[in-house]
Amino acid sequence: MKVENTKAQMRKGVLEYCILAILSRSDKYASDVISELKEAKMIVVEGTLYPLLTRLKNAELLTYRWEESTQGPPRKYYELTEKGRGFLSELDASWNELVDAVDIVKNK
């Protein structure tokens, strides 16, 4: 078993949570989301991000709007919906429970 495979699966498991957390702070253009994820060492490419954004939009957890750009075509900015904020709140609680459980297991 390769550790890189396990690490990739761990990242995939929290990617939607991270996207929602980023969008909870402010509306973002997709490339801004990718930049924040890369800064956090969450390796993500557009081919991974766009299907996730579409799935989150279809679940009514986020929405988007088009804004004119001075540097080219209009840009699609994503933002959390109220339903998305509630979902993120539930994920926050689940994440904290998971971290606590892992800490207990590791430190026993």
PDB file of N, CA and C in Angstrom:
ATOM      1  N   MET A   1       0.856  -1.187   0.000  1.00  0.00           N
ATOM      2  CA  MET A   1       0.000   0.000   0.000  1.00  0.00           C
ATOM      3  C   MET A   1       0.894   1.240   0.000  1.00  0.00           C
ATOM      4  N   LYS A   2       0.538   2.194  -0.831  1.00  0.00           N
ATOM      5  CA  LYS A   2       1.328   3.419  -0.931  1.00  0.00           C
ATOM      6  C   LYS A   2       0.678   4.523  -0.112  1.00  0.00           C
ATOM      7  N   VAL A   3       1.488   5.232   0.638  1.00  0.00           N
ATOM      8  CA  VAL A   3       0.969   6.303   1.493  1.00  0.00           C
ATOM      9  C   VAL A   3       0.361   7.431   0.663  1.00  0.00           C
ATOM     10  N   GLU A   4       0.872   7.642  -0.536  1.00  0.00           N
ATOM     11  CA  GLU A   4       0.343   8.717  -1.380  1.00  0.00           C
ATOM     12  C   GLU A   4      -1.124   8.472  -1.732  1.00  0.00           C
ATOM     13  N   ASN A   5      -1.503   7.214  -1.957  1.00  0.00           N
ATOM     14  CA  ASN A   5      -2.902   6.903  -2.260  1.00  0.00           C
ATOM     15  C   ASN A   5      -3.801   7.239  -1.078  1.00  0.00           C
ATOM     16  N   THR A   6      -3.354   6.884   0.110  1.00  0.00           N
ATOM     17  CA  THR A   6      -4.140   7.164   1.309  1.00  0.00           C
ATOM     18  C   THR A   6      -4.244   8.665   1.538  1.00  0.00           C
ATOM     19  N   LYS A   7      -3.143   9.374   1.349  1.00  0.00           N
ATOM     20  CA  LYS A   7      -3.178  10.831   1.509  1.00  0.00           C
ATOM     21  C   LYS A   7      -4.140  11.474   0.516  1.00  0.00           C
ATOM     22  N   ALA A   8      -4.142  10.989  -0.715  1.00  0.00           N
ATOM     23  CA  ALA A   8      -5.049  11.536  -1.737  1.00  0.00           C
ATOM     24  C   ALA A   8      -6.500  11.285  -1.345  1.00  0.00           C
ATOM     25  N   GLN A   9      -6.803  10.103  -0.830  1.00  0.00           N
ATOM     26  CA  GLN A   9      -8.167   9.798  -0.398  1.00  0.00           C
ATOM     27  C   GLN A   9      -8.588  10.672   0.776  1.00  0.00           C
ATOM     28  N   MET A  10      -7.663  10.944   1.694  1.00  0.00           N
ATOM     29  CA  MET A  10      -7.975  11.819   2.826  1.00  0.00           C
ATOM     30  C   MET A  10      -8.303  13.228   2.327  1.00  0.00           C
ATOM     31  N   ARG A  11      -7.522  13.723   1.372  1.00  0.00           N
ATOM     32  CA  ARG A  11      -7.773  15.063   0.816  1.00  0.00           C
ATOM     33  C   ARG A  11      -9.119  15.111   0.113  1.00  0.00           C
ATOM     34  N   LYS A  12      -9.417  14.083  -0.675  1.00  0.00           N
ATOM     35  CA  LYS A  12     -10.704  14.039  -1.382  1.00  0.00           C
ATOM     36  C   LYS A  12     -11.863  14.061  -0.397  1.00  0.00           C
ATOM     37  N   GLY A  13     -11.685  13.392   0.729  1.00  0.00           N
ATOM     38  CA  GLY A  13     -12.753  13.303   1.715  1.00  0.00           C
ATOM     39  C   GLY A  13     -13.107  14.630   2.356  1.00  0.00           C
ATOM     40  N   VAL A  14     -12.170  15.552   2.387  1.00  0.00           N
ATOM     41  CA  VAL A  14     -12.441  16.844   3.030  1.00  0.00           C
ATOM     42  C   VAL A  14     -12.515  17.999   2.039  1.00  0.00           C
ATOM     43  N   LEU A  15     -12.398  17.703   0.766  1.00  0.00           N
ATOM     44  CA  LEU A  15     -12.344  18.768  -0.235  1.00  0.00           C
ATOM     45  C   LEU A  15     -13.627  19.597  -0.284  1.00  0.00           C
ATOM     46  N   GLU A  16     -14.785  18.958  -0.277  1.00  0.00           N
ATOM     47  CA  GLU A  16     -16.040  19.717  -0.308  1.00  0.00           C
ATOM     48  C   GLU A  16     -16.154  20.606   0.929  1.00  0.00           C
ATOM     49  N   TYR A  17     -15.769  20.065   2.070  1.00  0.00           N
ATOM     50  CA  TYR A  17     -15.791  20.832   3.318  1.00  0.00           C
ATOM     51  C   TYR A  17     -14.901  22.070   3.197  1.00  0.00           C
ATOM     52  N   CYS A  18     -13.718  21.885   2.645  1.00  0.00           N
ATOM     53  CA  CYS A  18     -12.793  23.011   2.485  1.00  0.00           C
ATOM     54  C   CYS A  18     -13.343  24.058   1.516  1.00  0.00           C
ATOM     55  N   ILE A  19     -13.961  23.617   0.436  1.00  0.00           N
ATOM     56  CA  ILE A  19     -14.547  24.557  -0.529  1.00  0.00           C
ATOM     57  C   ILE A  19     -15.640  25.377   0.139  1.00  0.00           C
ATOM     58  N   LEU A  20     -16.518  24.722   0.884  1.00  0.00           N
ATOM     59  CA  LEU A  20     -17.581  25.446   1.580  1.00  0.00           C
ATOM     60  C   LEU A  20     -17.000  26.420   2.607  1.00  0.00           C
ATOM     61  N   ALA A  21     -15.955  26.009   3.297  1.00  0.00           N
ATOM     62  CA  ALA A  21     -15.322  26.892   4.290  1.00  0.00           C
ATOM     63  C   ALA A  21     -14.733  28.131   3.616  1.00  0.00           C
ATOM     64  N   ILE A  22     -14.097  27.945   2.475  1.00  0.00           N
ATOM     65  CA  ILE A  22     -13.524  29.082   1.739  1.00  0.00           C
ATOM     66  C   ILE A  22     -14.633  30.033   1.301  1.00  0.00           C
ATOM     67  N   LEU A  23     -15.709  29.488   0.766  1.00  0.00           N
ATOM     68  CA  LEU A  23     -16.803  30.329   0.274  1.00  0.00           C
ATOM     69  C   LEU A  23     -17.603  30.958   1.411  1.00  0.00           C
ATOM     70  N   SER A  24     -17.469  30.441   2.622  1.00  0.00           N
ATOM     71  CA  SER A  24     -18.186  31.040   3.756  1.00  0.00           C
ATOM     72  C   SER A  24     -17.603  32.399   4.133  1.00  0.00           C
ATOM     73  N   ARG A  25     -16.356  32.634   3.778  1.00  0.00           N
ATOM     74  CA  ARG A  25     -15.693  33.900   4.118  1.00  0.00           C
ATOM     75  C   ARG A  25     -16.032  35.009   3.134  1.00  0.00           C
ATOM     76  N   SER A  26     -16.141  34.633   1.845  1.00  0.00           N
ATOM     77  CA  SER A  26     -16.508  35.608   0.821  1.00  0.00           C
ATOM     78  C   SER A  26     -16.765  34.891  -0.492  1.00  0.00           C
ATOM     79  N   ASP A  27     -17.461  35.581  -1.399  1.00  0.00           N
ATOM     80  CA  ASP A  27     -17.715  35.041  -2.727  1.00  0.00           C
ATOM     81  C   ASP A  27     -16.370  34.918  -3.443  1.00  0.00           C
ATOM     82  N   LYS A  28     -16.228  33.871  -4.239  1.00  0.00           N
ATOM     83  CA  LYS A  28     -14.947  33.641  -4.910  1.00  0.00           C
ATOM     84  C   LYS A  28     -15.142  33.196  -6.347  1.00  0.00           C
ATOM     85  N   TYR A  29     -14.193  33.566  -7.159  1.00  0.00           N
ATOM     86  CA  TYR A  29     -14.025  33.075  -8.514  1.00  0.00           C
ATOM     87  C   TYR A  29     -13.334  31.710  -8.395  1.00  0.00           C
ATOM     88  N   ALA A  30     -13.607  30.772  -9.273  1.00  0.00           N
ATOM     89  CA  ALA A  30     -13.073  29.410  -9.141  1.00  0.00           C
ATOM     90  C   ALA A  30     -11.551  29.388  -9.002  1.00  0.00           C
ATOM     91  N   SER A  31     -10.851  30.208  -9.762  1.00  0.00           N
ATOM     92  CA  SER A  31      -9.384  30.190  -9.665  1.00  0.00           C
ATOM     93  C   SER A  31      -8.913  30.694  -8.299  1.00  0.00           C
ATOM     94  N   ASP A  32      -9.702  31.555  -7.650  1.00  0.00           N
ATOM     95  CA  ASP A  32      -9.367  31.995  -6.291  1.00  0.00           C
ATOM     96  C   ASP A  32      -9.512  30.839  -5.303  1.00  0.00           C
ATOM     97  N   VAL A  33     -10.527  30.008  -5.503  1.00  0.00           N
ATOM     98  CA  VAL A  33     -10.716  28.830  -4.650  1.00  0.00           C
ATOM     99  C   VAL A  33      -9.530  27.888  -4.813  1.00  0.00           C
ATOM    100  N   ILE A  34      -9.130  27.650  -6.058  1.00  0.00           N
ATOM    101  CA  ILE A  34      -7.979  26.785  -6.321  1.00  0.00           C
ATOM    102  C   ILE A  34      -6.734  27.341  -5.660  1.00  0.00           C
ATOM    103  N   SER A  35      -6.517  28.650  -5.757  1.00  0.00           N
ATOM    104  CA  SER A  35      -5.335  29.272  -5.147  1.00  0.00           C
ATOM    105  C   SER A  35      -5.313  29.061  -3.633  1.00  0.00           C
ATOM    106  N   GLU A  36      -6.458  29.259  -2.986  1.00  0.00           N
ATOM    107  CA  GLU A  36      -6.509  29.068  -1.533  1.00  0.00           C
ATOM    108  C   GLU A  36      -6.254  27.615  -1.161  1.00  0.00           C
ATOM    109  N   LEU A  37      -6.801  26.704  -1.927  1.00  0.00           N
ATOM    110  CA  LEU A  37      -6.572  25.289  -1.647  1.00  0.00           C
ATOM    111  C   LEU A  37      -5.099  24.933  -1.835  1.00  0.00           C
ATOM    112  N   LYS A  38      -4.478  25.460  -2.897  1.00  0.00           N
ATOM    113  CA  LYS A  38      -3.057  25.183  -3.135  1.00  0.00           C
ATOM    114  C   LYS A  38      -2.180  25.776  -2.036  1.00  0.00           C
ATOM    115  N   GLU A  39      -2.529  26.975  -1.560  1.00  0.00           N
ATOM    116  CA  GLU A  39      -1.781  27.581  -0.457  1.00  0.00           C
ATOM    117  C   GLU A  39      -1.807  26.693   0.783  1.00  0.00           C
ATOM    118  N   ALA A  40      -2.915  25.987   0.955  1.00  0.00           N
ATOM    119  CA  ALA A  40      -3.090  25.102   2.109  1.00  0.00           C
ATOM    120  C   ALA A  40      -2.535  23.698   1.821  1.00  0.00           C
ATOM    121  N   LYS A  41      -1.845  23.538   0.690  1.00  0.00           N
ATOM    122  CA  LYS A  41      -1.266  22.257   0.281  1.00  0.00           C
ATOM    123  C   LYS A  41      -2.322  21.208  -0.073  1.00  0.00           C
ATOM    124  N   MET A  42      -3.505  21.677  -0.460  1.00  0.00           N
ATOM    125  CA  MET A  42      -4.557  20.790  -0.969  1.00  0.00           C
ATOM    126  C   MET A  42      -4.456  20.855  -2.487  1.00  0.00           C
ATOM    127  N   ILE A  43      -3.776  19.910  -3.073  1.00  0.00           N
ATOM    128  CA  ILE A  43      -3.521  19.930  -4.504  1.00  0.00           C
ATOM    129  C   ILE A  43      -4.835  19.684  -5.257  1.00  0.00           C
ATOM    130  N   VAL A  44      -5.247  20.675  -6.025  1.00  0.00           N
ATOM    131  CA  VAL A  44      -6.508  20.588  -6.762  1.00  0.00           C
ATOM    132  C   VAL A  44      -6.313  21.196  -8.142  1.00  0.00           C
ATOM    133  N   VAL A  45      -6.926  20.566  -9.135  1.00  0.00           N
ATOM    134  CA  VAL A  45      -6.895  21.109 -10.495  1.00  0.00           C
ATOM    135  C   VAL A  45      -8.321  21.465 -10.892  1.00  0.00           C
ATOM    136  N   GLU A  46      -8.445  22.250 -11.942  1.00  0.00           N
ATOM    137  CA  GLU A  46      -9.771  22.691 -12.390  1.00  0.00           C
ATOM    138  C   GLU A  46     -10.688  21.510 -12.692  1.00  0.00           C
ATOM    139  N   GLY A  47     -10.124  20.443 -13.248  1.00  0.00           N
ATOM    140  CA  GLY A  47     -10.919  19.274 -13.578  1.00  0.00           C
ATOM    141  C   GLY A  47     -11.529  18.593 -12.368  1.00  0.00           C
ATOM    142  N   THR A  48     -10.973  18.836 -11.202  1.00  0.00           N
ATOM    143  CA  THR A  48     -11.524  18.317  -9.952  1.00  0.00           C
ATOM    144  C   THR A  48     -12.502  19.313  -9.352  1.00  0.00           C
ATOM    145  N   LEU A  49     -12.159  20.586  -9.408  1.00  0.00           N
ATOM    146  CA  LEU A  49     -12.965  21.612  -8.740  1.00  0.00           C
ATOM    147  C   LEU A  49     -14.327  21.835  -9.394  1.00  0.00           C
ATOM    148  N   TYR A  50     -14.366  21.973 -10.696  1.00  0.00           N
ATOM    149  CA  TYR A  50     -15.629  22.329 -11.359  1.00  0.00           C
ATOM    150  C   TYR A  50     -16.750  21.301 -11.154  1.00  0.00           C
ATOM    151  N   PRO A  51     -16.467  20.000 -11.241  1.00  0.00           N
ATOM    152  CA  PRO A  51     -17.551  19.042 -10.940  1.00  0.00           C
ATOM    153  C   PRO A  51     -18.043  19.148  -9.492  1.00  0.00           C
ATOM    154  N   LEU A  52     -17.129  19.430  -8.556  1.00  0.00           N
ATOM    155  CA  LEU A  52     -17.542  19.606  -7.161  1.00  0.00           C
ATOM    156  C   LEU A  52     -18.413  20.843  -7.004  1.00  0.00           C
ATOM    157  N   LEU A  53     -18.028  21.932  -7.643  1.00  0.00           N
ATOM    158  CA  LEU A  53     -18.829  23.153  -7.570  1.00  0.00           C
ATOM    159  C   LEU A  53     -20.218  22.915  -8.169  1.00  0.00           C
ATOM    160  N   THR A  54     -20.277  22.184  -9.276  1.00  0.00           N
ATOM    161  CA  THR A  54     -21.562  21.878  -9.897  1.00  0.00           C
ATOM    162  C   THR A  54     -22.416  21.017  -8.970  1.00  0.00           C
ATOM    163  N   ARG A  55     -21.815  20.021  -8.342  1.00  0.00           N
ATOM    164  CA  ARG A  55     -22.560  19.157  -7.424  1.00  0.00           C
ATOM    165  C   ARG A  55     -23.084  19.953  -6.231  1.00  0.00           C
ATOM    166  N   LEU A  56     -22.261  20.840  -5.680  1.00  0.00           N
ATOM    167  CA  LEU A  56     -22.686  21.673  -4.553  1.00  0.00           C
ATOM    168  C   LEU A  56     -23.798  22.635  -4.969  1.00  0.00           C
ATOM    169  N   LYS A  57     -23.711  23.148  -6.196  1.00  0.00           N
ATOM    170  CA  LYS A  57     -24.772  24.031  -6.706  1.00  0.00           C
ATOM    171  C   LYS A  57     -26.068  23.253  -6.899  1.00  0.00           C
ATOM    172  N   ASN A  58     -25.978  22.065  -7.466  1.00  0.00           N
ATOM    173  CA  ASN A  58     -27.167  21.244  -7.684  1.00  0.00           C
ATOM    174  C   ASN A  58     -27.827  20.832  -6.367  1.00  0.00           C
ATOM    175  N   ALA A  59     -27.032  20.737  -5.315  1.00  0.00           N
ATOM    176  CA  ALA A  59     -27.559  20.419  -3.981  1.00  0.00           C
ATOM    177  C   ALA A  59     -28.071  21.673  -3.275  1.00  0.00           C
ATOM    178  N   GLU A  60     -28.024  22.809  -3.976  1.00  0.00           N
ATOM    179  CA  GLU A  60     -28.481  24.110  -3.471  1.00  0.00           C
ATOM    180  C   GLU A  60     -27.681  24.601  -2.263  1.00  0.00           C
ATOM    181  N   LEU A  61     -26.409  24.163  -2.190  1.00  0.00           N
ATOM    182  CA  LEU A  61     -25.534  24.621  -1.111  1.00  0.00           C
ATOM    183  C   LEU A  61     -24.786  25.883  -1.511  1.00  0.00           C
ATOM    184  N   LEU A  62     -24.692  26.122  -2.805  1.00  0.00           N
ATOM    185  CA  LEU A  62     -24.098  27.371  -3.279  1.00  0.00           C
ATOM    186  C   LEU A  62     -24.792  27.801  -4.550  1.00  0.00           C
ATOM    187  N   THR A  63     -24.527  29.035  -4.886  1.00  0.00           N
ATOM    188  CA  THR A  63     -25.067  29.615  -6.108  1.00  0.00           C
ATOM    189  C   THR A  63     -23.939  30.414  -6.755  1.00  0.00           C
ATOM    190  N   TYR A  64     -24.215  30.997  -7.897  1.00  0.00           N
ATOM    191  CA  TYR A  64     -23.194  31.817  -8.547  1.00  0.00           C
ATOM    192  C   TYR A  64     -23.841  33.003  -9.241  1.00  0.00           C
ATOM    193  N   ARG A  65     -22.992  33.947  -9.556  1.00  0.00           N
ATOM    194  CA  ARG A  65     -23.419  35.111 -10.322  1.00  0.00           C
ATOM    195  C   ARG A  65     -22.289  35.456 -11.294  1.00  0.00           C
ATOM    196  N   TRP A  66     -22.651  36.072 -12.382  1.00  0.00           N
ATOM    197  CA  TRP A  66     -21.669  36.507 -13.373  1.00  0.00           C
ATOM    198  C   TRP A  66     -21.301  37.954 -13.112  1.00  0.00           C
ATOM    199  N   GLU A  67     -20.003  38.261 -13.193  1.00  0.00           N
ATOM    200  CA  GLU A  67     -19.531  39.637 -13.075  1.00  0.00           C
ATOM    201  C   GLU A  67     -18.627  39.951 -14.250  1.00  0.00           C
ATOM    202  N   GLU A  68     -18.783  41.148 -14.772  1.00  0.00           N
ATOM    203  CA  GLU A  68     -17.902  41.591 -15.847  1.00  0.00           C
ATOM    204  C   GLU A  68     -16.473  41.678 -15.325  1.00  0.00           C
ATOM    205  N   SER A  69     -15.520  41.396 -16.199  1.00  0.00           N
ATOM    206  CA  SER A  69     -14.110  41.445 -15.837  1.00  0.00           C
ATOM    207  C   SER A  69     -13.402  42.461 -16.721  1.00  0.00           C
ATOM    208  N   THR A  70     -12.465  43.182 -16.142  1.00  0.00           N
ATOM    209  CA  THR A  70     -11.661  44.120 -16.927  1.00  0.00           C
ATOM    210  C   THR A  70     -10.569  43.385 -17.688  1.00  0.00           C
ATOM    211  N   GLN A  71     -10.371  42.109 -17.371  1.00  0.00           N
ATOM    212  CA  GLN A  71      -9.276  41.335 -17.979  1.00  0.00           C
ATOM    213  C   GLN A  71      -9.785  40.176 -18.833  1.00  0.00           C
ATOM    214  N   GLY A  72     -10.932  40.325 -19.471  1.00  0.00           N
ATOM    215  CA  GLY A  72     -11.421  39.258 -20.326  1.00  0.00           C
ATOM    216  C   GLY A  72     -12.915  39.051 -20.186  1.00  0.00           C
ATOM    217  N   PRO A  73     -13.346  37.812 -20.396  1.00  0.00           N
ATOM    218  CA  PRO A  73     -14.785  37.517 -20.349  1.00  0.00           C
ATOM    219  C   PRO A  73     -15.346  37.624 -18.930  1.00  0.00           C
ATOM    220  N   PRO A  74     -16.662  37.656 -18.799  1.00  0.00           N
ATOM    221  CA  PRO A  74     -17.267  37.706 -17.463  1.00  0.00           C
ATOM    222  C   PRO A  74     -16.830  36.508 -16.627  1.00  0.00           C
ATOM    223  N   ARG A  75     -16.807  36.715 -15.314  1.00  0.00           N
ATOM    224  CA  ARG A  75     -16.383  35.668 -14.390  1.00  0.00           C
ATOM    225  C   ARG A  75     -17.561  35.188 -13.554  1.00  0.00           C
ATOM    226  N   LYS A  76     -17.536  33.915 -13.263  1.00  0.00           N
ATOM    227  CA  LYS A  76     -18.576  33.303 -12.432  1.00  0.00           C
ATOM    228  C   LYS A  76     -18.065  33.288 -10.986  1.00  0.00           C
ATOM    229  N   TYR A  77     -18.779  33.992 -10.105  1.00  0.00           N
ATOM    230  CA  TYR A  77     -18.425  34.026  -8.683  1.00  0.00           C
ATOM    231  C   TYR A  77     -19.392  33.152  -7.898  1.00  0.00           C
ATOM    232  N   TYR A  78     -18.831  32.285  -7.070  1.00  0.00           N
ATOM    233  CA  TYR A  78     -19.622  31.357  -6.272  1.00  0.00           C
ATOM    234  C   TYR A  78     -19.829  31.910  -4.868  1.00  0.00           C
ATOM    235  N   GLU A  79     -21.010  31.619  -4.303  1.00  0.00           N
ATOM    236  CA  GLU A  79     -21.299  32.025  -2.931  1.00  0.00           C
ATOM    237  C   GLU A  79     -22.180  30.986  -2.264  1.00  0.00           C
ATOM    238  N   LEU A  80     -22.063  30.899  -0.943  1.00  0.00           N
ATOM    239  CA  LEU A  80     -22.881  29.966  -0.178  1.00  0.00           C
ATOM    240  C   LEU A  80     -24.318  30.459  -0.095  1.00  0.00           C
ATOM    241  N   THR A  81     -25.239  29.525  -0.121  1.00  0.00           N
ATOM    242  CA  THR A  81     -26.642  29.838   0.134  1.00  0.00           C
ATOM    243  C   THR A  81     -26.879  29.674   1.639  1.00  0.00           C
ATOM    244  N   GLU A  82     -28.062  30.030   2.092  1.00  0.00           N
ATOM    245  CA  GLU A  82     -28.398  29.802   3.505  1.00  0.00           C
ATOM    246  C   GLU A  82     -28.352  28.312   3.817  1.00  0.00           C
ATOM    247  N   LYS A  83     -28.854  27.503   2.892  1.00  0.00           N
ATOM    248  CA  LYS A  83     -28.793  26.055   3.070  1.00  0.00           C
ATOM    249  C   LYS A  83     -27.340  25.593   3.173  1.00  0.00           C
ATOM    250  N   GLY A  84     -26.474  26.193   2.376  1.00  0.00           N
ATOM    251  CA  GLY A  84     -25.047  25.866   2.405  1.00  0.00           C
ATOM    252  C   GLY A  84     -24.405  26.247   3.729  1.00  0.00           C
ATOM    253  N   ARG A  85     -24.811  27.388   4.282  1.00  0.00           N
ATOM    254  CA  ARG A  85     -24.277  27.806   5.589  1.00  0.00           C
ATOM    255  C   ARG A  85     -24.703  26.832   6.689  1.00  0.00           C
ATOM    256  N   GLY A  86     -25.951  26.382   6.636  1.00  0.00           N
ATOM    257  CA  GLY A  86     -26.420  25.401   7.606  1.00  0.00           C
ATOM    258  C   GLY A  86     -25.688  24.077   7.468  1.00  0.00           C
ATOM    259  N   PHE A  87     -25.479  23.651   6.213  1.00  0.00           N
ATOM    260  CA  PHE A  87     -24.757  22.412   5.949  1.00  0.00           C
ATOM    261  C   PHE A  87     -23.326  22.508   6.457  1.00  0.00           C
ATOM    262  N   LEU A  88     -22.679  23.655   6.208  1.00  0.00           N
ATOM    263  CA  LEU A  88     -21.316  23.866   6.677  1.00  0.00           C
ATOM    264  C   LEU A  88     -21.255  23.828   8.199  1.00  0.00           C
ATOM    265  N   SER A  89     -22.232  24.389   8.849  1.00  0.00           N
ATOM    266  CA  SER A  89     -22.281  24.357  10.314  1.00  0.00           C
ATOM    267  C   SER A  89     -22.334  22.912  10.822  1.00  0.00           C
ATOM    268  N   GLU A  90     -23.135  22.084  10.162  1.00  0.00           N
ATOM    269  CA  GLU A  90     -23.200  20.667  10.526  1.00  0.00           C
ATOM    270  C   GLU A  90     -21.864  19.973  10.271  1.00  0.00           C
ATOM    271  N   LEU A  91     -21.219  20.312   9.156  1.00  0.00           N
ATOM    272  CA  LEU A  91     -19.909  19.726   8.863  1.00  0.00           C
ATOM    273  C   LEU A  91     -18.870  20.161   9.885  1.00  0.00           C
ATOM    274  N   ASP A  92     -18.941  21.424  10.327  1.00  0.00           N
ATOM    275  CA  ASP A  92     -18.019  21.899  11.365  1.00  0.00           C
ATOM    276  C   ASP A  92     -18.125  21.030  12.616  1.00  0.00           C
ATOM    277  N   ALA A  93     -19.352  20.772  13.042  1.00  0.00           N
ATOM    278  CA  ALA A  93     -19.565  19.957  14.235  1.00  0.00           C
ATOM    279  C   ALA A  93     -19.031  18.537  14.011  1.00  0.00           C
ATOM    280  N   SER A  94     -19.315  17.967  12.841  1.00  0.00           N
ATOM    281  CA  SER A  94     -18.831  16.612  12.534  1.00  0.00           C
ATOM    282  C   SER A  94     -17.306  16.571  12.473  1.00  0.00           C
ATOM    283  N   TRP A  95     -16.716  17.600  11.891  1.00  0.00           N
ATOM    284  CA  TRP A  95     -15.253  17.663  11.799  1.00  0.00           C
ATOM    285  C   TRP A  95     -14.650  17.700  13.196  1.00  0.00           C
ATOM    286  N   ASN A  96     -15.185  18.532  14.069  1.00  0.00           N
ATOM    287  CA  ASN A  96     -14.659  18.626  15.432  1.00  0.00           C
ATOM    288  C   ASN A  96     -14.781  17.294  16.169  1.00  0.00           C
ATOM    289  N   GLU A  97     -15.904  16.606  15.993  1.00  0.00           N
ATOM    290  CA  GLU A  97     -16.082  15.286  16.607  1.00  0.00           C
ATOM    291  C   GLU A  97     -15.049  14.296  16.059  1.00  0.00           C
ATOM    292  N   LEU A  98     -14.822  14.341  14.757  1.00  0.00           N
ATOM    293  CA  LEU A  98     -13.859  13.432  14.137  1.00  0.00           C
ATOM    294  C   LEU A  98     -12.445  13.697  14.633  1.00  0.00           C
ATOM    295  N   VAL A  99     -12.053  14.963  14.691  1.00  0.00           N
ATOM    296  CA  VAL A  99     -10.723  15.316  15.180  1.00  0.00           C
ATOM    297  C   VAL A  99     -10.543  14.848  16.618  1.00  0.00           C
ATOM    298  N   ASP A 100     -11.565  15.063  17.451  1.00  0.00           N
ATOM    299  CA  ASP A 100     -11.492  14.625  18.844  1.00  0.00           C
ATOM    300  C   ASP A 100     -11.356  13.101  18.918  1.00  0.00           C
ATOM    301  N   ALA A 101     -12.129  12.381  18.112  1.00  0.00           N
ATOM    302  CA  ALA A 101     -12.068  10.920  18.122  1.00  0.00           C
ATOM    303  C   ALA A 101     -10.706  10.415  17.684  1.00  0.00           C
ATOM    304  N   VAL A 102     -10.149  11.008  16.639  1.00  0.00           N
ATOM    305  CA  VAL A 102      -8.827  10.595  16.168  1.00  0.00           C
ATOM    306  C   VAL A 102      -7.767  10.885  17.241  1.00  0.00           C
ATOM    307  N   ASP A 103      -7.859  12.044  17.877  1.00  0.00           N
ATOM    308  CA  ASP A 103      -6.926  12.376  18.957  1.00  0.00           C
ATOM    309  C   ASP A 103      -6.989  11.362  20.093  1.00  0.00           C
ATOM    310  N   ILE A 104      -8.204  10.935  20.442  1.00  0.00           N
ATOM    311  CA  ILE A 104      -8.368   9.927  21.503  1.00  0.00           C
ATOM    312  C   ILE A 104      -7.699   8.617  21.098  1.00  0.00           C
ATOM    313  N   VAL A 105      -7.953   8.191  19.857  1.00  0.00           N
ATOM    314  CA  VAL A 105      -7.380   6.946  19.377  1.00  0.00           C
ATOM    315  C   VAL A 105      -5.850   7.022  19.322  1.00  0.00           C
ATOM    316  N   LYS A 106      -5.344   8.139  18.826  1.00  0.00           N
ATOM    317  CA  LYS A 106      -3.892   8.297  18.699  1.00  0.00           C
ATOM    318  C   LYS A 106      -3.192   8.355  20.052  1.00  0.00           C
ATOM    319  N   ASN A 107      -3.825   8.975  21.019  1.00  0.00           N
ATOM    320  CA  ASN A 107      -3.150   9.261  22.284  1.00  0.00           C
ATOM    321  C   ASN A 107      -3.497   8.291  23.404  1.00  0.00           C
ATOM    322  N   LYS A 108      -4.203   7.236  23.099  1.00  0.00           N
ATOM    323  CA  LYS A 108      -4.604   6.288  24.133  1.00  0.00           C
ATOM    324  C   LYS A 108      -3.459   5.413  24.558  1.00  0.00           C
TER     325      LYS A 108
END
